[in-house]
Amino acid sequence: MSEPNMDSGQLAEMMPELEVQVYEYMKKVYDELAEAGEKYDEAKNDTYAEQKASRRFNVTAEEAAKIYAKAESQLRRRDLKR
């Protein structure tokens, strides 16, 4: 996943504010699942995080998934340029 010390300001330079908020929220949901000892089930966890983000930010689950994937891609590209 993304670099743990990436702050909102750095991410905001690469993406619109709503996308940053959706990404950070979904990352938090994934972290909470891991901390709760939730057995990793990619499809189940993705669906859960996407649906939670969908309700919170009034976007579709598909849009939330695309935003998260886009953010991860942007972060990886940034890391490769270092």
PDB file of N, CA and C in Angstrom:
ATOM      1  N   MET A   1       0.835  -1.179   0.000  1.00  0.00           N
ATOM      2  CA  MET A   1       0.000   0.000   0.000  1.00  0.00           C
ATOM      3  C   MET A   1       0.881   1.244   0.000  1.00  0.00           C
ATOM      4  N   SER A   2       0.279   2.352   0.366  1.00  0.00           N
ATOM      5  CA  SER A   2       0.981   3.624   0.267  1.00  0.00           C
ATOM      6  C   SER A   2       1.952   3.829   1.413  1.00  0.00           C
ATOM      7  N   GLU A   3       2.779   4.817   1.241  1.00  0.00           N
ATOM      8  CA  GLU A   3       3.760   5.195   2.245  1.00  0.00           C
ATOM      9  C   GLU A   3       3.052   5.704   3.496  1.00  0.00           C
ATOM     10  N   PRO A   4       3.383   5.169   4.664  1.00  0.00           N
ATOM     11  CA  PRO A   4       2.650   5.544   5.864  1.00  0.00           C
ATOM     12  C   PRO A   4       2.820   6.996   6.289  1.00  0.00           C
ATOM     13  N   ASN A   5       3.913   7.652   5.925  1.00  0.00           N
ATOM     14  CA  ASN A   5       4.097   9.032   6.365  1.00  0.00           C
ATOM     15  C   ASN A   5       3.645  10.053   5.324  1.00  0.00           C
ATOM     16  N   MET A   6       2.901   9.614   4.341  1.00  0.00           N
ATOM     17  CA  MET A   6       2.348  10.536   3.344  1.00  0.00           C
ATOM     18  C   MET A   6       1.303  11.392   4.034  1.00  0.00           C
ATOM     19  N   ASP A   7       1.464  12.707   4.001  1.00  0.00           N
ATOM     20  CA  ASP A   7       0.466  13.549   4.659  1.00  0.00           C
ATOM     21  C   ASP A   7      -0.547  14.079   3.655  1.00  0.00           C
ATOM     22  N   SER A   8      -1.620  14.634   4.175  1.00  0.00           N
ATOM     23  CA  SER A   8      -2.711  15.117   3.337  1.00  0.00           C
ATOM     24  C   SER A   8      -2.253  16.180   2.360  1.00  0.00           C
ATOM     25  N   GLY A   9      -1.344  17.016   2.781  1.00  0.00           N
ATOM     26  CA  GLY A   9      -0.853  18.073   1.900  1.00  0.00           C
ATOM     27  C   GLY A   9      -0.160  17.520   0.676  1.00  0.00           C
ATOM     28  N   GLN A  10       0.676  16.509   0.862  1.00  0.00           N
ATOM     29  CA  GLN A  10       1.376  15.908  -0.272  1.00  0.00           C
ATOM     30  C   GLN A  10       0.390  15.223  -1.214  1.00  0.00           C
ATOM     31  N   LEU A  11      -0.555  14.522  -0.644  1.00  0.00           N
ATOM     32  CA  LEU A  11      -1.546  13.838  -1.461  1.00  0.00           C
ATOM     33  C   LEU A  11      -2.426  14.850  -2.191  1.00  0.00           C
ATOM     34  N   ALA A  12      -2.760  15.940  -1.530  1.00  0.00           N
ATOM     35  CA  ALA A  12      -3.612  16.975  -2.126  1.00  0.00           C
ATOM     36  C   ALA A  12      -2.950  17.641  -3.324  1.00  0.00           C
ATOM     37  N   GLU A  13      -1.633  17.627  -3.371  1.00  0.00           N
ATOM     38  CA  GLU A  13      -0.931  18.195  -4.521  1.00  0.00           C
ATOM     39  C   GLU A  13      -1.142  17.346  -5.768  1.00  0.00           C
ATOM     40  N   MET A  14      -1.518  16.084  -5.566  1.00  0.00           N
ATOM     41  CA  MET A  14      -1.638  15.156  -6.683  1.00  0.00           C
ATOM     42  C   MET A  14      -3.082  14.876  -7.090  1.00  0.00           C
ATOM     43  N   MET A  15      -4.049  15.179  -6.208  1.00  0.00           N
ATOM     44  CA  MET A  15      -5.434  14.787  -6.450  1.00  0.00           C
ATOM     45  C   MET A  15      -6.405  15.846  -5.929  1.00  0.00           C
ATOM     46  N   PRO A  16      -7.637  15.870  -6.467  1.00  0.00           N
ATOM     47  CA  PRO A  16      -8.665  16.776  -5.936  1.00  0.00           C
ATOM     48  C   PRO A  16      -9.015  16.422  -4.489  1.00  0.00           C
ATOM     49  N   GLU A  17      -9.506  17.402  -3.741  1.00  0.00           N
ATOM     50  CA  GLU A  17      -9.775  17.240  -2.315  1.00  0.00           C
ATOM     51  C   GLU A  17     -10.720  16.077  -2.005  1.00  0.00           C
ATOM     52  N   LEU A  18     -11.807  15.954  -2.754  1.00  0.00           N
ATOM     53  CA  LEU A  18     -12.752  14.860  -2.498  1.00  0.00           C
ATOM     54  C   LEU A  18     -12.058  13.505  -2.643  1.00  0.00           C
ATOM     55  N   GLU A  19     -11.229  13.373  -3.648  1.00  0.00           N
ATOM     56  CA  GLU A  19     -10.529  12.110  -3.860  1.00  0.00           C
ATOM     57  C   GLU A  19      -9.559  11.819  -2.713  1.00  0.00           C
ATOM     58  N   VAL A  20      -8.902  12.831  -2.215  1.00  0.00           N
ATOM     59  CA  VAL A  20      -8.011  12.659  -1.067  1.00  0.00           C
ATOM     60  C   VAL A  20      -8.819  12.183   0.139  1.00  0.00           C
ATOM     61  N   GLN A  21      -9.959  12.810   0.367  1.00  0.00           N
ATOM     62  CA  GLN A  21     -10.798  12.430   1.501  1.00  0.00           C
ATOM     63  C   GLN A  21     -11.297  10.993   1.373  1.00  0.00           C
ATOM     64  N   VAL A  22     -11.737  10.606   0.187  1.00  0.00           N
ATOM     65  CA  VAL A  22     -12.215   9.239  -0.034  1.00  0.00           C
ATOM     66  C   VAL A  22     -11.070   8.255   0.191  1.00  0.00           C
ATOM     67  N   TYR A  23      -9.909   8.548  -0.371  1.00  0.00           N
ATOM     68  CA  TYR A  23      -8.757   7.652  -0.220  1.00  0.00           C
ATOM     69  C   TYR A  23      -8.375   7.499   1.247  1.00  0.00           C
ATOM     70  N   GLU A  24      -8.234   8.602   1.947  1.00  0.00           N
ATOM     71  CA  GLU A  24      -7.820   8.539   3.347  1.00  0.00           C
ATOM     72  C   GLU A  24      -8.849   7.795   4.197  1.00  0.00           C
ATOM     73  N   TYR A  25     -10.127   8.005   3.907  1.00  0.00           N
ATOM     74  CA  TYR A  25     -11.174   7.314   4.642  1.00  0.00           C
ATOM     75  C   TYR A  25     -11.099   5.800   4.393  1.00  0.00           C
ATOM     76  N   MET A  26     -10.956   5.424   3.128  1.00  0.00           N
ATOM     77  CA  MET A  26     -10.886   4.001   2.810  1.00  0.00           C
ATOM     78  C   MET A  26      -9.638   3.360   3.414  1.00  0.00           C
ATOM     79  N   LYS A  27      -8.532   4.069   3.400  1.00  0.00           N
ATOM     80  CA  LYS A  27      -7.303   3.552   4.012  1.00  0.00           C
ATOM     81  C   LYS A  27      -7.535   3.303   5.494  1.00  0.00           C
ATOM     82  N   LYS A  28      -8.237   4.238   6.144  1.00  0.00           N
ATOM     83  CA  LYS A  28      -8.558   4.085   7.558  1.00  0.00           C
ATOM     84  C   LYS A  28      -9.438   2.848   7.789  1.00  0.00           C
ATOM     85  N   VAL A  29     -10.415   2.644   6.929  1.00  0.00           N
ATOM     86  CA  VAL A  29     -11.292   1.467   7.043  1.00  0.00           C
ATOM     87  C   VAL A  29     -10.462   0.193   6.907  1.00  0.00           C
ATOM     88  N   TYR A  30      -9.568   0.135   5.916  1.00  0.00           N
ATOM     89  CA  TYR A  30      -8.707  -1.047   5.746  1.00  0.00           C
ATOM     90  C   TYR A  30      -7.836  -1.263   6.981  1.00  0.00           C
ATOM     91  N   ASP A  31      -7.278  -0.184   7.526  1.00  0.00           N
ATOM     92  CA  ASP A  31      -6.445  -0.293   8.729  1.00  0.00           C
ATOM     93  C   ASP A  31      -7.253  -0.815   9.914  1.00  0.00           C
ATOM     94  N   GLU A  32      -8.476  -0.332  10.058  1.00  0.00           N
ATOM     95  CA  GLU A  32      -9.338  -0.791  11.152  1.00  0.00           C
ATOM     96  C   GLU A  32      -9.663  -2.274  11.016  1.00  0.00           C
ATOM     97  N   LEU A  33      -9.905  -2.723   9.796  1.00  0.00           N
ATOM     98  CA  LEU A  33     -10.160  -4.150   9.566  1.00  0.00           C
ATOM     99  C   LEU A  33      -8.951  -4.979   9.980  1.00  0.00           C
ATOM    100  N   ALA A  34      -7.770  -4.513   9.611  1.00  0.00           N
ATOM    101  CA  ALA A  34      -6.548  -5.239   9.955  1.00  0.00           C
ATOM    102  C   ALA A  34      -6.326  -5.258  11.467  1.00  0.00           C
ATOM    103  N   GLU A  35      -6.535  -4.116  12.114  1.00  0.00           N
ATOM    104  CA  GLU A  35      -6.349  -4.034  13.567  1.00  0.00           C
ATOM    105  C   GLU A  35      -7.347  -4.909  14.320  1.00  0.00           C
ATOM    106  N   ALA A  36      -8.532  -5.081  13.767  1.00  0.00           N
ATOM    107  CA  ALA A  36      -9.559  -5.905  14.405  1.00  0.00           C
ATOM    108  C   ALA A  36      -9.281  -7.392  14.197  1.00  0.00           C
ATOM    109  N   GLY A  37      -8.228  -7.696  13.453  1.00  0.00           N
ATOM    110  CA  GLY A  37      -7.876  -9.075  13.207  1.00  0.00           C
ATOM    111  C   GLY A  37      -8.723  -9.722  12.133  1.00  0.00           C
ATOM    112  N   GLU A  38      -9.364  -8.884  11.330  1.00  0.00           N
ATOM    113  CA  GLU A  38     -10.206  -9.395  10.246  1.00  0.00           C
ATOM    114  C   GLU A  38      -9.345 -10.198   9.279  1.00  0.00           C
ATOM    115  N   LYS A  39      -9.752 -11.426   9.030  1.00  0.00           N
ATOM    116  CA  LYS A  39      -9.038 -12.253   8.062  1.00  0.00           C
ATOM    117  C   LYS A  39      -9.082 -11.549   6.712  1.00  0.00           C
ATOM    118  N   TYR A  40      -7.941 -11.461   6.058  1.00  0.00           N
ATOM    119  CA  TYR A  40      -7.886 -10.727   4.805  1.00  0.00           C
ATOM    120  C   TYR A  40      -8.614 -11.478   3.702  1.00  0.00           C
ATOM    121  N   ASP A  41      -9.663 -10.879   3.240  1.00  0.00           N
ATOM    122  CA  ASP A  41     -10.444 -11.376   2.110  1.00  0.00           C
ATOM    123  C   ASP A  41     -10.587 -10.177   1.189  1.00  0.00           C
ATOM    124  N   GLU A  42      -9.770 -10.139   0.160  1.00  0.00           N
ATOM    125  CA  GLU A  42      -9.678  -8.953  -0.690  1.00  0.00           C
ATOM    126  C   GLU A  42     -11.033  -8.489  -1.208  1.00  0.00           C
ATOM    127  N   ALA A  43     -11.799  -9.380  -1.771  1.00  0.00           N
ATOM    128  CA  ALA A  43     -13.090  -8.987  -2.346  1.00  0.00           C
ATOM    129  C   ALA A  43     -14.047  -8.488  -1.270  1.00  0.00           C
ATOM    130  N   LYS A  44     -14.110  -9.195  -0.160  1.00  0.00           N
ATOM    131  CA  LYS A  44     -15.014  -8.811   0.930  1.00  0.00           C
ATOM    132  C   LYS A  44     -14.602  -7.470   1.544  1.00  0.00           C
ATOM    133  N   ASN A  45     -13.313  -7.319   1.823  1.00  0.00           N
ATOM    134  CA  ASN A  45     -12.832  -6.071   2.430  1.00  0.00           C
ATOM    135  C   ASN A  45     -12.962  -4.891   1.478  1.00  0.00           C
ATOM    136  N   ASP A  46     -12.677  -5.112   0.204  1.00  0.00           N
ATOM    137  CA  ASP A  46     -12.821  -4.037  -0.784  1.00  0.00           C
ATOM    138  C   ASP A  46     -14.275  -3.589  -0.866  1.00  0.00           C
ATOM    139  N   THR A  47     -15.178  -4.546  -0.953  1.00  0.00           N
ATOM    140  CA  THR A  47     -16.602  -4.215  -1.040  1.00  0.00           C
ATOM    141  C   THR A  47     -17.044  -3.441   0.191  1.00  0.00           C
ATOM    142  N   TYR A  48     -16.614  -3.881   1.358  1.00  0.00           N
ATOM    143  CA  TYR A  48     -16.971  -3.217   2.614  1.00  0.00           C
ATOM    144  C   TYR A  48     -16.468  -1.772   2.626  1.00  0.00           C
ATOM    145  N   ALA A  49     -15.188  -1.570   2.306  1.00  0.00           N
ATOM    146  CA  ALA A  49     -14.606  -0.226   2.311  1.00  0.00           C
ATOM    147  C   ALA A  49     -15.249   0.663   1.257  1.00  0.00           C
ATOM    148  N   GLU A  50     -15.500   0.113   0.084  1.00  0.00           N
ATOM    149  CA  GLU A  50     -16.120   0.887  -0.998  1.00  0.00           C
ATOM    150  C   GLU A  50     -17.533   1.323  -0.627  1.00  0.00           C
ATOM    151  N   GLN A  51     -18.288   0.434  -0.010  1.00  0.00           N
ATOM    152  CA  GLN A  51     -19.654   0.777   0.375  1.00  0.00           C
ATOM    153  C   GLN A  51     -19.681   1.827   1.485  1.00  0.00           C
ATOM    154  N   LYS A  52     -18.771   1.700   2.448  1.00  0.00           N
ATOM    155  CA  LYS A  52     -18.702   2.710   3.513  1.00  0.00           C
ATOM    156  C   LYS A  52     -18.348   4.081   2.938  1.00  0.00           C
ATOM    157  N   ALA A  53     -17.369   4.129   2.051  1.00  0.00           N
ATOM    158  CA  ALA A  53     -16.973   5.394   1.428  1.00  0.00           C
ATOM    159  C   ALA A  53     -18.101   5.947   0.569  1.00  0.00           C
ATOM    160  N   SER A  54     -18.802   5.064  -0.104  1.00  0.00           N
ATOM    161  CA  SER A  54     -19.922   5.467  -0.949  1.00  0.00           C
ATOM    162  C   SER A  54     -20.976   6.209  -0.134  1.00  0.00           C
ATOM    163  N   ARG A  55     -21.333   5.639   0.992  1.00  0.00           N
ATOM    164  CA  ARG A  55     -22.344   6.269   1.847  1.00  0.00           C
ATOM    165  C   ARG A  55     -21.833   7.579   2.456  1.00  0.00           C
ATOM    166  N   ARG A  56     -20.599   7.585   2.878  1.00  0.00           N
ATOM    167  CA  ARG A  56     -20.064   8.774   3.552  1.00  0.00           C
ATOM    168  C   ARG A  56     -19.876   9.960   2.603  1.00  0.00           C
ATOM    169  N   PHE A  57     -19.447   9.692   1.379  1.00  0.00           N
ATOM    170  CA  PHE A  57     -19.089  10.776   0.458  1.00  0.00           C
ATOM    171  C   PHE A  57     -20.069  10.945  -0.702  1.00  0.00           C
ATOM    172  N   ASN A  58     -21.166  10.198  -0.673  1.00  0.00           N
ATOM    173  CA  ASN A  58     -22.182  10.317  -1.704  1.00  0.00           C
ATOM    174  C   ASN A  58     -21.619  10.098  -3.111  1.00  0.00           C
ATOM    175  N   VAL A  59     -20.826   9.041  -3.242  1.00  0.00           N
ATOM    176  CA  VAL A  59     -20.323   8.595  -4.536  1.00  0.00           C
ATOM    177  C   VAL A  59     -20.735   7.128  -4.667  1.00  0.00           C
ATOM    178  N   THR A  60     -20.658   6.591  -5.861  1.00  0.00           N
ATOM    179  CA  THR A  60     -20.968   5.170  -5.999  1.00  0.00           C
ATOM    180  C   THR A  60     -19.803   4.342  -5.457  1.00  0.00           C
ATOM    181  N   ALA A  61     -20.083   3.096  -5.150  1.00  0.00           N
ATOM    182  CA  ALA A  61     -19.018   2.198  -4.692  1.00  0.00           C
ATOM    183  C   ALA A  61     -17.952   2.049  -5.776  1.00  0.00           C
ATOM    184  N   GLU A  62     -18.391   2.040  -7.037  1.00  0.00           N
ATOM    185  CA  GLU A  62     -17.446   1.939  -8.144  1.00  0.00           C
ATOM    186  C   GLU A  62     -16.532   3.164  -8.216  1.00  0.00           C
ATOM    187  N   GLU A  63     -17.115   4.344  -7.982  1.00  0.00           N
ATOM    188  CA  GLU A  63     -16.295   5.568  -7.976  1.00  0.00           C
ATOM    189  C   GLU A  63     -15.287   5.519  -6.835  1.00  0.00           C
ATOM    190  N   ALA A  64     -15.717   5.069  -5.671  1.00  0.00           N
ATOM    191  CA  ALA A  64     -14.809   4.964  -4.532  1.00  0.00           C
ATOM    192  C   ALA A  64     -13.658   4.023  -4.861  1.00  0.00           C
ATOM    193  N   ALA A  65     -13.961   2.904  -5.488  1.00  0.00           N
ATOM    194  CA  ALA A  65     -12.924   1.945  -5.873  1.00  0.00           C
ATOM    195  C   ALA A  65     -11.932   2.567  -6.849  1.00  0.00           C
ATOM    196  N   LYS A  66     -12.442   3.299  -7.829  1.00  0.00           N
ATOM    197  CA  LYS A  66     -11.571   3.942  -8.814  1.00  0.00           C
ATOM    198  C   LYS A  66     -10.687   5.006  -8.165  1.00  0.00           C
ATOM    199  N   ILE A  67     -11.267   5.775  -7.238  1.00  0.00           N
ATOM    200  CA  ILE A  67     -10.498   6.810  -6.534  1.00  0.00           C
ATOM    201  C   ILE A  67      -9.366   6.171  -5.744  1.00  0.00           C
ATOM    202  N   TYR A  68      -9.669   5.101  -5.026  1.00  0.00           N
ATOM    203  CA  TYR A  68      -8.645   4.437  -4.221  1.00  0.00           C
ATOM    204  C   TYR A  68      -7.530   3.893  -5.110  1.00  0.00           C
ATOM    205  N   ALA A  69      -7.914   3.245  -6.197  1.00  0.00           N
ATOM    206  CA  ALA A  69      -6.919   2.692  -7.117  1.00  0.00           C
ATOM    207  C   ALA A  69      -6.069   3.802  -7.739  1.00  0.00           C
ATOM    208  N   LYS A  70      -6.707   4.911  -8.104  1.00  0.00           N
ATOM    209  CA  LYS A  70      -5.982   6.047  -8.693  1.00  0.00           C
ATOM    210  C   LYS A  70      -4.971   6.610  -7.698  1.00  0.00           C
ATOM    211  N   ALA A  71      -5.389   6.749  -6.455  1.00  0.00           N
ATOM    212  CA  ALA A  71      -4.487   7.285  -5.428  1.00  0.00           C
ATOM    213  C   ALA A  71      -3.299   6.363  -5.214  1.00  0.00           C
ATOM    214  N   GLU A  72      -3.560   5.073  -5.119  1.00  0.00           N
ATOM    215  CA  GLU A  72      -2.464   4.115  -4.945  1.00  0.00           C
ATOM    216  C   GLU A  72      -1.498   4.198  -6.122  1.00  0.00           C
ATOM    217  N   SER A  73      -2.031   4.325  -7.328  1.00  0.00           N
ATOM    218  CA  SER A  73      -1.197   4.433  -8.515  1.00  0.00           C
ATOM    219  C   SER A  73      -0.350   5.708  -8.476  1.00  0.00           C
ATOM    220  N   GLN A  74      -0.963   6.820  -8.102  1.00  0.00           N
ATOM    221  CA  GLN A  74      -0.240   8.093  -8.010  1.00  0.00           C
ATOM    222  C   GLN A  74       0.889   8.005  -6.976  1.00  0.00           C
ATOM    223  N   LEU A  75       0.610   7.375  -5.853  1.00  0.00           N
ATOM    224  CA  LEU A  75       1.616   7.250  -4.800  1.00  0.00           C
ATOM    225  C   LEU A  75       2.773   6.358  -5.264  1.00  0.00           C
ATOM    226  N   ARG A  76       2.465   5.298  -5.960  1.00  0.00           N
ATOM    227  CA  ARG A  76       3.533   4.414  -6.467  1.00  0.00           C
ATOM    228  C   ARG A  76       4.401   5.144  -7.488  1.00  0.00           C
ATOM    229  N   ARG A  77       3.751   5.906  -8.371  1.00  0.00           N
ATOM    230  CA  ARG A  77       4.525   6.669  -9.362  1.00  0.00           C
ATOM    231  C   ARG A  77       5.443   7.664  -8.678  1.00  0.00           C
ATOM    232  N   ARG A  78       4.922   8.333  -7.663  1.00  0.00           N
ATOM    233  CA  ARG A  78       5.733   9.295  -6.925  1.00  0.00           C
ATOM    234  C   ARG A  78       6.930   8.607  -6.282  1.00  0.00           C
ATOM    235  N   ASP A  79       6.698   7.436  -5.707  1.00  0.00           N
ATOM    236  CA  ASP A  79       7.776   6.694  -5.067  1.00  0.00           C
ATOM    237  C   ASP A  79       8.827   6.233  -6.070  1.00  0.00           C
ATOM    238  N   LEU A  80       8.395   5.903  -7.273  1.00  0.00           N
ATOM    239  CA  LEU A  80       9.347   5.465  -8.304  1.00  0.00           C
ATOM    240  C   LEU A  80      10.242   6.600  -8.777  1.00  0.00           C
ATOM    241  N   LYS A  81       9.756   7.829  -8.689  1.00  0.00           N
ATOM    242  CA  LYS A  81      10.529   8.990  -9.146  1.00  0.00           C
ATOM    243  C   LYS A  81      11.593   9.393  -8.132  1.00  0.00           C
ATOM    244  N   ARG A  82      11.548   8.833  -6.945  1.00  0.00           N
ATOM    245  CA  ARG A  82      12.521   9.201  -5.902  1.00  0.00           C
ATOM    246  C   ARG A  82      13.865   8.619  -6.175  1.00  0.00           C
TER     247      ARG A  82
END
